[in-house]
Amino acid sequence: MTIKEIKAELKTATHPIAKSLHHGTGFKVLIMGFRKGMILQEHKAHTPSKLTVLEGTVIYKEENRVIELRQYDEVEIPLEITHSVEAMEDSLCILSQGE
């Protein structure tokens, strides 16, 4: 029900919504929902991470690159590099973290 909950919360949200889909020792999988124009502000990943787009289009930005990600595209997020994500349309992503 996690994805349905996120989609329901996004109807009135003013910022991206993230919820845990699954987690265990040394890893977690988050579902992130965005409405068009929402931005996940600059931050750093402290564990190996990968962002995969399930629905929509987002722009992934880091220090020296900008990548447009569409449905089923993915990007490895480098450790300790400042990055952000902006939704170009309503979007749903999976963020997997850990080794």
C-alpha atoms as a PDB file:
ATOM      1  CA  MET A   1       0.000   0.000   0.000  1.00  0.00           C
ATOM      2  CA  THR A   2       3.029   2.304   0.229  1.00  0.00           C
ATOM      3  CA  ILE A   3       2.753   3.622  -3.340  1.00  0.00           C
ATOM      4  CA  LYS A   4      -0.985   4.256  -2.974  1.00  0.00           C
ATOM      5  CA  GLU A   5      -0.347   6.131   0.293  1.00  0.00           C
ATOM      6  CA  ILE A   6       2.255   8.343  -1.358  1.00  0.00           C
ATOM      7  CA  LYS A   7      -0.022   9.131  -4.300  1.00  0.00           C
ATOM      8  CA  ALA A   8      -2.836  10.062  -1.911  1.00  0.00           C
ATOM      9  CA  GLU A   9      -0.567  12.290   0.228  1.00  0.00           C
ATOM     10  CA  LEU A  10       0.846  14.047  -2.844  1.00  0.00           C
ATOM     11  CA  LYS A  11      -2.563  15.528  -3.631  1.00  0.00           C
ATOM     12  CA  THR A  12      -2.072  18.057  -0.825  1.00  0.00           C
ATOM     13  CA  ALA A  13       1.705  17.927  -0.262  1.00  0.00           C
ATOM     14  CA  THR A  14       4.001  20.921  -0.702  1.00  0.00           C
ATOM     15  CA  HIS A  15       7.216  18.872  -0.792  1.00  0.00           C
ATOM     16  CA  PRO A  16       8.280  15.423  -2.026  1.00  0.00           C
ATOM     17  CA  ILE A  17       6.980  12.428  -0.071  1.00  0.00           C
ATOM     18  CA  ALA A  18       9.260   9.498   0.794  1.00  0.00           C
ATOM     19  CA  LYS A  19       8.291   6.248   2.500  1.00  0.00           C
ATOM     20  CA  SER A  20      10.133   3.038   3.243  1.00  0.00           C
ATOM     21  CA  LEU A  21       9.102   0.158   1.000  1.00  0.00           C
ATOM     22  CA  HIS A  22      11.546  -2.375   2.451  1.00  0.00           C
ATOM     23  CA  HIS A  23      14.592  -2.374   4.717  1.00  0.00           C
ATOM     24  CA  GLY A  24      17.007  -4.756   6.344  1.00  0.00           C
ATOM     25  CA  THR A  25      20.503  -4.985   7.709  1.00  0.00           C
ATOM     26  CA  GLY A  26      22.603  -2.543   5.703  1.00  0.00           C
ATOM     27  CA  PHE A  27      20.018  -1.584   3.069  1.00  0.00           C
ATOM     28  CA  LYS A  28      16.716   0.199   2.521  1.00  0.00           C
ATOM     29  CA  VAL A  29      14.388   0.845  -0.387  1.00  0.00           C
ATOM     30  CA  LEU A  30      12.360   4.060  -0.442  1.00  0.00           C
ATOM     31  CA  ILE A  31       9.535   5.150  -2.711  1.00  0.00           C
ATOM     32  CA  MET A  32       9.586   8.875  -3.455  1.00  0.00           C
ATOM     33  CA  GLY A  33       6.702  10.811  -4.924  1.00  0.00           C
ATOM     34  CA  PHE A  34       6.829  14.251  -6.543  1.00  0.00           C
ATOM     35  CA  ARG A  35       4.282  16.601  -8.027  1.00  0.00           C
ATOM     36  CA  LYS A  36       5.426  18.622 -10.998  1.00  0.00           C
ATOM     37  CA  GLY A  37       7.853  21.335  -9.874  1.00  0.00           C
ATOM     38  CA  MET A  38       8.716  19.802  -6.505  1.00  0.00           C
ATOM     39  CA  ILE A  39      12.405  19.762  -5.612  1.00  0.00           C
ATOM     40  CA  LEU A  40      14.296  17.466  -3.300  1.00  0.00           C
ATOM     41  CA  GLN A  41      16.790  20.030  -2.024  1.00  0.00           C
ATOM     42  CA  GLU A  42      20.557  19.570  -2.219  1.00  0.00           C
ATOM     43  CA  HIS A  43      21.928  16.878   0.068  1.00  0.00           C
ATOM     44  CA  LYS A  44      24.591  14.135   0.114  1.00  0.00           C
ATOM     45  CA  ALA A  45      24.320  10.346   0.045  1.00  0.00           C
ATOM     46  CA  HIS A  46      26.300   8.658   2.803  1.00  0.00           C
ATOM     47  CA  THR A  47      25.658   5.117   1.524  1.00  0.00           C
ATOM     48  CA  PRO A  48      25.735   3.716  -2.033  1.00  0.00           C
ATOM     49  CA  SER A  49      22.433   4.688  -3.680  1.00  0.00           C
ATOM     50  CA  LYS A  50      20.577   4.335  -6.962  1.00  0.00           C
ATOM     51  CA  LEU A  51      17.570   6.374  -8.127  1.00  0.00           C
ATOM     52  CA  THR A  52      15.154   4.698 -10.577  1.00  0.00           C
ATOM     53  CA  VAL A  53      12.147   6.456 -12.121  1.00  0.00           C
ATOM     54  CA  LEU A  54       8.923   4.429 -12.139  1.00  0.00           C
ATOM     55  CA  GLU A  55       6.636   7.162 -13.495  1.00  0.00           C
ATOM     56  CA  GLY A  56       7.195  10.653 -14.827  1.00  0.00           C
ATOM     57  CA  THR A  57      10.360  12.649 -15.501  1.00  0.00           C
ATOM     58  CA  VAL A  58      12.868  14.120 -13.054  1.00  0.00           C
ATOM     59  CA  ILE A  59      16.076  16.103 -13.392  1.00  0.00           C
ATOM     60  CA  TYR A  60      18.956  14.780 -11.296  1.00  0.00           C
ATOM     61  CA  LYS A  61      21.601  17.445 -10.629  1.00  0.00           C
ATOM     62  CA  GLU A  62      24.993  17.174  -8.993  1.00  0.00           C
ATOM     63  CA  GLU A  63      28.149  19.262  -9.051  1.00  0.00           C
ATOM     64  CA  ASN A  64      29.241  18.565 -12.630  1.00  0.00           C
ATOM     65  CA  ARG A  65      26.314  16.858 -14.324  1.00  0.00           C
ATOM     66  CA  VAL A  66      22.608  17.222 -15.011  1.00  0.00           C
ATOM     67  CA  ILE A  67      20.642  14.165 -16.145  1.00  0.00           C
ATOM     68  CA  GLU A  68      17.047  13.955 -17.308  1.00  0.00           C
ATOM     69  CA  LEU A  69      15.560  10.676 -16.123  1.00  0.00           C
ATOM     70  CA  ARG A  70      12.369   9.282 -17.632  1.00  0.00           C
ATOM     71  CA  GLN A  71      10.362   6.160 -16.837  1.00  0.00           C
ATOM     72  CA  TYR A  72      12.675   3.209 -16.021  1.00  0.00           C
ATOM     73  CA  ASP A  73      15.863   5.314 -16.273  1.00  0.00           C
ATOM     74  CA  GLU A  74      18.267   5.092 -13.353  1.00  0.00           C
ATOM     75  CA  VAL A  75      21.340   6.816 -11.983  1.00  0.00           C
ATOM     76  CA  GLU A  76      23.972   5.743  -9.480  1.00  0.00           C
ATOM     77  CA  ILE A  77      24.366   8.456  -6.849  1.00  0.00           C
ATOM     78  CA  PRO A  78      27.995   8.961  -5.803  1.00  0.00           C
ATOM     79  CA  LEU A  79      28.923   9.070  -2.140  1.00  0.00           C
ATOM     80  CA  GLU A  80      29.324  12.457  -0.459  1.00  0.00           C
ATOM     81  CA  ILE A  81      28.498  14.470  -3.606  1.00  0.00           C
ATOM     82  CA  THR A  82      25.908  17.251  -3.271  1.00  0.00           C
ATOM     83  CA  HIS A  83      22.891  16.541  -5.481  1.00  0.00           C
ATOM     84  CA  SER A  84      19.211  17.406  -5.909  1.00  0.00           C
ATOM     85  CA  VAL A  85      16.168  16.100  -7.792  1.00  0.00           C
ATOM     86  CA  GLU A  86      13.474  18.200  -9.511  1.00  0.00           C
ATOM     87  CA  ALA A  87      10.234  16.816 -10.936  1.00  0.00           C
ATOM     88  CA  MET A  88       9.430  17.936 -14.474  1.00  0.00           C
ATOM     89  CA  GLU A  89       6.033  16.221 -14.162  1.00  0.00           C
ATOM     90  CA  ASP A  90       4.266  14.178 -11.509  1.00  0.00           C
ATOM     91  CA  SER A  91       6.773  11.408 -10.763  1.00  0.00           C
ATOM     92  CA  LEU A  92       7.339   8.308  -8.693  1.00  0.00           C
ATOM     93  CA  CYS A  93      10.861   6.977  -7.996  1.00  0.00           C
ATOM     94  CA  ILE A  94      12.575   4.145  -6.148  1.00  0.00           C
ATOM     95  CA  LEU A  95      15.659   4.996  -4.126  1.00  0.00           C
ATOM     96  CA  SER A  96      17.687   1.960  -3.121  1.00  0.00           C
ATOM     97  CA  GLN A  97      20.406   2.466  -0.531  1.00  0.00           C
ATOM     98  CA  GLY A  98      23.043   0.119   0.814  1.00  0.00           C
ATOM     99  CA  GLU A  99      25.423  -2.502  -0.432  1.00  0.00           C
END
